[in-house]
Amino acid sequence: MRRRWNDAAGWLQLVWAVFLHRTVAKKEQWKRWQARRNLALCRAEAHGRLPKEMADRLKLTEAHIKAKIKDGKKVEQVGVDAAAREAAAEEDAA
C-alpha cells in the first residue's frame, strides 16, 4: 500500500512540475516559479519518478532534468525565495 501512495505522490509532484513549467508567464516571478518547479522535480524523484520520465513529460533533456533536481535539493535547504534571489543575482553577475 505504501508503494502505491509513493507512486501516486511522485506522479502528482511530476504533474505539478509540468504545470509550473508550462504556465510560468510573469517575468517578475520567473525565478520563484522555476525554484518551485525544481523543488517539485526533486520531490517527484524522491517518490520514485525517474528523470527520463520527467524529461519526456517536460520535453527537456534528461541531463537538464538532473541539473534541475540538483537545484531542487538546494531550494529544499534554503527556501524558494532565497533560491530565487540567489539565481537572479547569479544571472545579473553573468
N, C-alpha and C. Protein backbone atom coordinates (compact mmCIF):
# COMPACT_ATOMS: atom_id res chain seq x y z
N MET A 1 0.82 -1.20 0.00
CA MET A 1 0.00 0.00 0.00
C MET A 1 0.87 1.26 0.00
N ARG A 2 1.97 1.20 0.77
CA ARG A 2 2.85 2.37 0.86
C ARG A 2 3.45 2.69 -0.51
N ARG A 3 3.81 1.64 -1.27
CA ARG A 3 4.38 1.85 -2.59
C ARG A 3 3.37 2.55 -3.50
N ARG A 4 2.11 2.16 -3.38
CA ARG A 4 1.07 2.79 -4.20
C ARG A 4 0.96 4.28 -3.88
N TRP A 5 1.03 4.61 -2.58
CA TRP A 5 0.96 6.03 -2.19
C TRP A 5 2.18 6.79 -2.68
N ASN A 6 3.36 6.15 -2.60
CA ASN A 6 4.58 6.80 -3.10
C ASN A 6 4.49 7.03 -4.60
N ASP A 7 3.97 6.04 -5.33
CA ASP A 7 3.80 6.20 -6.77
C ASP A 7 2.85 7.35 -7.07
N ALA A 8 1.75 7.40 -6.35
CA ALA A 8 0.76 8.46 -6.56
C ALA A 8 1.34 9.83 -6.19
N ALA A 9 2.05 9.90 -5.09
CA ALA A 9 2.66 11.17 -4.67
C ALA A 9 3.71 11.62 -5.68
N GLY A 10 4.51 10.70 -6.17
CA GLY A 10 5.51 11.04 -7.17
C GLY A 10 4.86 11.51 -8.46
N TRP A 11 3.79 10.85 -8.86
CA TRP A 11 3.08 11.24 -10.07
C TRP A 11 2.49 12.64 -9.90
N LEU A 12 1.88 12.92 -8.74
CA LEU A 12 1.30 14.24 -8.50
C LEU A 12 2.37 15.33 -8.50
N GLN A 13 3.53 15.06 -7.93
CA GLN A 13 4.62 16.03 -7.94
C GLN A 13 5.08 16.29 -9.37
N LEU A 14 5.12 15.24 -10.18
CA LEU A 14 5.51 15.41 -11.58
C LEU A 14 4.47 16.23 -12.34
N VAL A 15 3.19 15.97 -12.11
CA VAL A 15 2.13 16.75 -12.75
C VAL A 15 2.25 18.22 -12.34
N TRP A 16 2.53 18.47 -11.07
CA TRP A 16 2.70 19.83 -10.57
C TRP A 16 3.90 20.50 -11.26
N ALA A 17 4.99 19.78 -11.41
CA ALA A 17 6.18 20.32 -12.08
C ALA A 17 5.87 20.67 -13.54
N VAL A 18 5.12 19.80 -14.22
CA VAL A 18 4.74 20.06 -15.61
C VAL A 18 3.86 21.30 -15.69
N PHE A 19 2.89 21.40 -14.78
CA PHE A 19 2.01 22.57 -14.76
C PHE A 19 2.81 23.85 -14.56
N LEU A 20 3.69 23.87 -13.58
CA LEU A 20 4.50 25.06 -13.32
C LEU A 20 5.40 25.38 -14.51
N HIS A 21 5.96 24.36 -15.11
CA HIS A 21 6.86 24.57 -16.25
C HIS A 21 6.12 25.21 -17.42
N ARG A 22 4.90 24.82 -17.64
CA ARG A 22 4.16 25.28 -18.81
C ARG A 22 3.38 26.57 -18.59
N THR A 23 3.17 26.99 -17.35
CA THR A 23 2.33 28.15 -17.11
C THR A 23 3.07 29.38 -16.61
N VAL A 24 4.35 29.28 -16.42
CA VAL A 24 5.10 30.44 -15.95
C VAL A 24 5.08 31.52 -17.02
N ALA A 25 4.57 32.69 -16.66
CA ALA A 25 4.44 33.73 -17.67
C ALA A 25 5.04 35.07 -17.23
N LYS A 26 4.90 35.42 -15.96
CA LYS A 26 5.35 36.74 -15.49
C LYS A 26 6.84 36.75 -15.23
N LYS A 27 7.51 37.74 -15.81
CA LYS A 27 8.96 37.83 -15.64
C LYS A 27 9.38 38.03 -14.19
N GLU A 28 8.61 38.81 -13.44
CA GLU A 28 8.99 39.11 -12.05
C GLU A 28 9.01 37.84 -11.20
N GLN A 29 8.15 36.91 -11.50
CA GLN A 29 8.05 35.72 -10.67
C GLN A 29 8.72 34.51 -11.30
N TRP A 30 9.39 34.72 -12.42
CA TRP A 30 10.00 33.61 -13.14
C TRP A 30 10.92 32.78 -12.26
N LYS A 31 11.81 33.40 -11.53
CA LYS A 31 12.78 32.65 -10.72
C LYS A 31 12.10 31.88 -9.60
N ARG A 32 11.06 32.48 -8.98
CA ARG A 32 10.34 31.78 -7.92
C ARG A 32 9.63 30.54 -8.47
N TRP A 33 8.98 30.71 -9.61
CA TRP A 33 8.28 29.58 -10.23
C TRP A 33 9.27 28.48 -10.62
N GLN A 34 10.40 28.88 -11.16
CA GLN A 34 11.40 27.89 -11.54
C GLN A 34 11.92 27.16 -10.30
N ALA A 35 12.11 27.89 -9.21
CA ALA A 35 12.56 27.26 -7.96
C ALA A 35 11.50 26.27 -7.46
N ARG A 36 10.23 26.65 -7.55
CA ARG A 36 9.16 25.74 -7.14
C ARG A 36 9.11 24.51 -8.04
N ARG A 37 9.30 24.72 -9.34
CA ARG A 37 9.33 23.59 -10.28
C ARG A 37 10.47 22.65 -9.94
N ASN A 38 11.65 23.21 -9.66
CA ASN A 38 12.81 22.39 -9.33
C ASN A 38 12.57 21.60 -8.05
N LEU A 39 11.92 22.23 -7.09
CA LEU A 39 11.59 21.55 -5.84
C LEU A 39 10.61 20.41 -6.11
N ALA A 40 9.61 20.65 -6.95
CA ALA A 40 8.64 19.61 -7.29
C ALA A 40 9.33 18.45 -8.01
N LEU A 41 10.28 18.75 -8.89
CA LEU A 41 11.03 17.69 -9.58
C LEU A 41 11.85 16.87 -8.58
N CYS A 42 12.46 17.56 -7.63
CA CYS A 42 13.25 16.89 -6.60
C CYS A 42 12.36 15.94 -5.78
N ARG A 43 11.19 16.43 -5.40
CA ARG A 43 10.27 15.61 -4.61
C ARG A 43 9.69 14.46 -5.42
N ALA A 44 9.43 14.69 -6.70
CA ALA A 44 8.93 13.61 -7.55
C ALA A 44 9.97 12.50 -7.65
N GLU A 45 11.25 12.89 -7.77
CA GLU A 45 12.31 11.89 -7.81
C GLU A 45 12.38 11.14 -6.49
N ALA A 46 12.20 11.85 -5.38
CA ALA A 46 12.25 11.21 -4.07
C ALA A 46 11.12 10.18 -3.92
N HIS A 47 10.03 10.38 -4.65
CA HIS A 47 8.90 9.46 -4.59
C HIS A 47 8.95 8.41 -5.70
N GLY A 48 10.09 8.29 -6.38
CA GLY A 48 10.27 7.20 -7.30
C GLY A 48 10.11 7.50 -8.78
N ARG A 49 9.87 8.75 -9.15
CA ARG A 49 9.78 9.08 -10.58
C ARG A 49 11.19 9.15 -11.16
N LEU A 50 11.38 8.64 -12.34
CA LEU A 50 12.69 8.62 -12.98
C LEU A 50 12.93 9.90 -13.78
N PRO A 51 14.18 10.38 -13.82
CA PRO A 51 14.49 11.58 -14.61
C PRO A 51 14.09 11.44 -16.09
N LYS A 52 14.19 10.23 -16.64
CA LYS A 52 13.79 10.00 -18.04
C LYS A 52 12.30 10.29 -18.22
N GLU A 53 11.49 9.82 -17.30
CA GLU A 53 10.04 10.06 -17.36
C GLU A 53 9.75 11.56 -17.26
N MET A 54 10.44 12.23 -16.34
CA MET A 54 10.24 13.67 -16.18
C MET A 54 10.65 14.42 -17.44
N ALA A 55 11.78 14.02 -18.02
CA ALA A 55 12.27 14.66 -19.24
C ALA A 55 11.25 14.51 -20.38
N ASP A 56 10.68 13.33 -20.49
CA ASP A 56 9.67 13.10 -21.52
C ASP A 56 8.45 13.97 -21.31
N ARG A 57 7.99 14.08 -20.07
CA ARG A 57 6.79 14.87 -19.78
C ARG A 57 7.02 16.37 -19.95
N LEU A 58 8.22 16.84 -19.57
CA LEU A 58 8.52 18.27 -19.65
C LEU A 58 9.11 18.68 -21.00
N LYS A 59 9.42 17.68 -21.82
CA LYS A 59 10.03 17.93 -23.13
C LYS A 59 11.38 18.64 -22.99
N LEU A 60 12.16 18.17 -22.01
CA LEU A 60 13.52 18.65 -21.77
C LEU A 60 14.46 17.46 -21.83
N THR A 61 15.75 17.72 -21.85
CA THR A 61 16.71 16.61 -21.86
C THR A 61 16.84 16.03 -20.45
N GLU A 62 17.26 14.78 -20.40
CA GLU A 62 17.45 14.12 -19.12
C GLU A 62 18.55 14.81 -18.30
N ALA A 63 19.60 15.28 -18.97
CA ALA A 63 20.69 15.99 -18.27
C ALA A 63 20.17 17.28 -17.65
N HIS A 64 19.29 17.98 -18.36
CA HIS A 64 18.71 19.22 -17.84
C HIS A 64 17.86 18.92 -16.61
N ILE A 65 17.10 17.86 -16.67
CA ILE A 65 16.25 17.47 -15.53
C ILE A 65 17.12 17.13 -14.32
N LYS A 66 18.20 16.39 -14.54
CA LYS A 66 19.08 16.03 -13.43
C LYS A 66 19.68 17.28 -12.78
N ALA A 67 20.02 18.27 -13.60
CA ALA A 67 20.54 19.53 -13.06
C ALA A 67 19.47 20.24 -12.24
N LYS A 68 18.23 20.21 -12.71
CA LYS A 68 17.15 20.89 -12.00
C LYS A 68 16.79 20.16 -10.71
N ILE A 69 16.93 18.84 -10.70
CA ILE A 69 16.71 18.08 -9.47
C ILE A 69 17.76 18.50 -8.43
N LYS A 70 19.00 18.66 -8.89
CA LYS A 70 20.07 19.12 -8.00
C LYS A 70 19.74 20.52 -7.46
N ASP A 71 19.24 21.41 -8.33
CA ASP A 71 18.82 22.74 -7.89
C ASP A 71 17.66 22.65 -6.90
N GLY A 72 16.77 21.68 -7.11
CA GLY A 72 15.63 21.49 -6.20
C GLY A 72 16.07 21.11 -4.81
N LYS A 73 17.15 20.33 -4.72
CA LYS A 73 17.68 19.97 -3.40
C LYS A 73 18.20 21.21 -2.68
N LYS A 74 18.78 22.14 -3.44
CA LYS A 74 19.25 23.39 -2.87
C LYS A 74 18.07 24.24 -2.39
N VAL A 75 17.00 24.27 -3.18
CA VAL A 75 15.79 25.03 -2.81
C VAL A 75 15.21 24.46 -1.53
N GLU A 76 15.24 23.15 -1.39
CA GLU A 76 14.71 22.49 -0.20
C GLU A 76 15.45 22.96 1.05
N GLN A 77 16.74 23.23 0.90
CA GLN A 77 17.55 23.64 2.05
C GLN A 77 17.38 25.12 2.39
N VAL A 78 17.34 25.99 1.38
CA VAL A 78 17.35 27.43 1.66
C VAL A 78 15.98 28.10 1.51
N GLY A 79 15.04 27.45 0.85
CA GLY A 79 13.73 28.03 0.65
C GLY A 79 13.60 28.64 -0.74
N VAL A 80 12.35 28.79 -1.18
CA VAL A 80 12.06 29.26 -2.53
C VAL A 80 12.55 30.68 -2.77
N ASP A 81 12.21 31.59 -1.86
CA ASP A 81 12.57 33.00 -2.07
C ASP A 81 14.08 33.21 -2.08
N ALA A 82 14.78 32.57 -1.16
CA ALA A 82 16.23 32.72 -1.10
C ALA A 82 16.88 32.14 -2.36
N ALA A 83 16.39 31.00 -2.81
CA ALA A 83 16.95 30.38 -4.02
C ALA A 83 16.67 31.25 -5.24
N ALA A 84 15.49 31.87 -5.31
CA ALA A 84 15.16 32.74 -6.43
C ALA A 84 16.04 33.98 -6.44
N ARG A 85 16.25 34.57 -5.26
CA ARG A 85 17.13 35.75 -5.17
C ARG A 85 18.55 35.40 -5.58
N GLU A 86 19.02 34.25 -5.13
CA GLU A 86 20.38 33.81 -5.47
C GLU A 86 20.52 33.56 -6.97
N ALA A 87 19.52 32.94 -7.58
CA ALA A 87 19.56 32.67 -9.02
C ALA A 87 19.54 33.99 -9.81
N ALA A 88 18.75 34.95 -9.35
CA ALA A 88 18.68 36.26 -10.03
C ALA A 88 20.02 36.98 -9.90
N ALA A 89 20.65 36.90 -8.73
CA ALA A 89 21.94 37.53 -8.52
C ALA A 89 23.01 36.89 -9.42
N GLU A 90 22.97 35.58 -9.55
CA GLU A 90 23.92 34.89 -10.42
C GLU A 90 23.72 35.32 -11.87
N GLU A 91 22.46 35.48 -12.28
CA GLU A 91 22.16 35.88 -13.64
C GLU A 91 22.63 37.30 -13.90
N ASP A 92 22.44 38.19 -12.91
CA ASP A 92 22.88 39.58 -13.06
C ASP A 92 24.40 39.69 -13.13
N ALA A 93 25.09 38.81 -12.39
CA ALA A 93 26.55 38.84 -12.37
C ALA A 93 27.14 38.34 -13.70
N ALA A 94 26.40 37.50 -14.37
CA ALA A 94 26.92 36.92 -15.62
C ALA A 94 26.81 37.85 -16.79
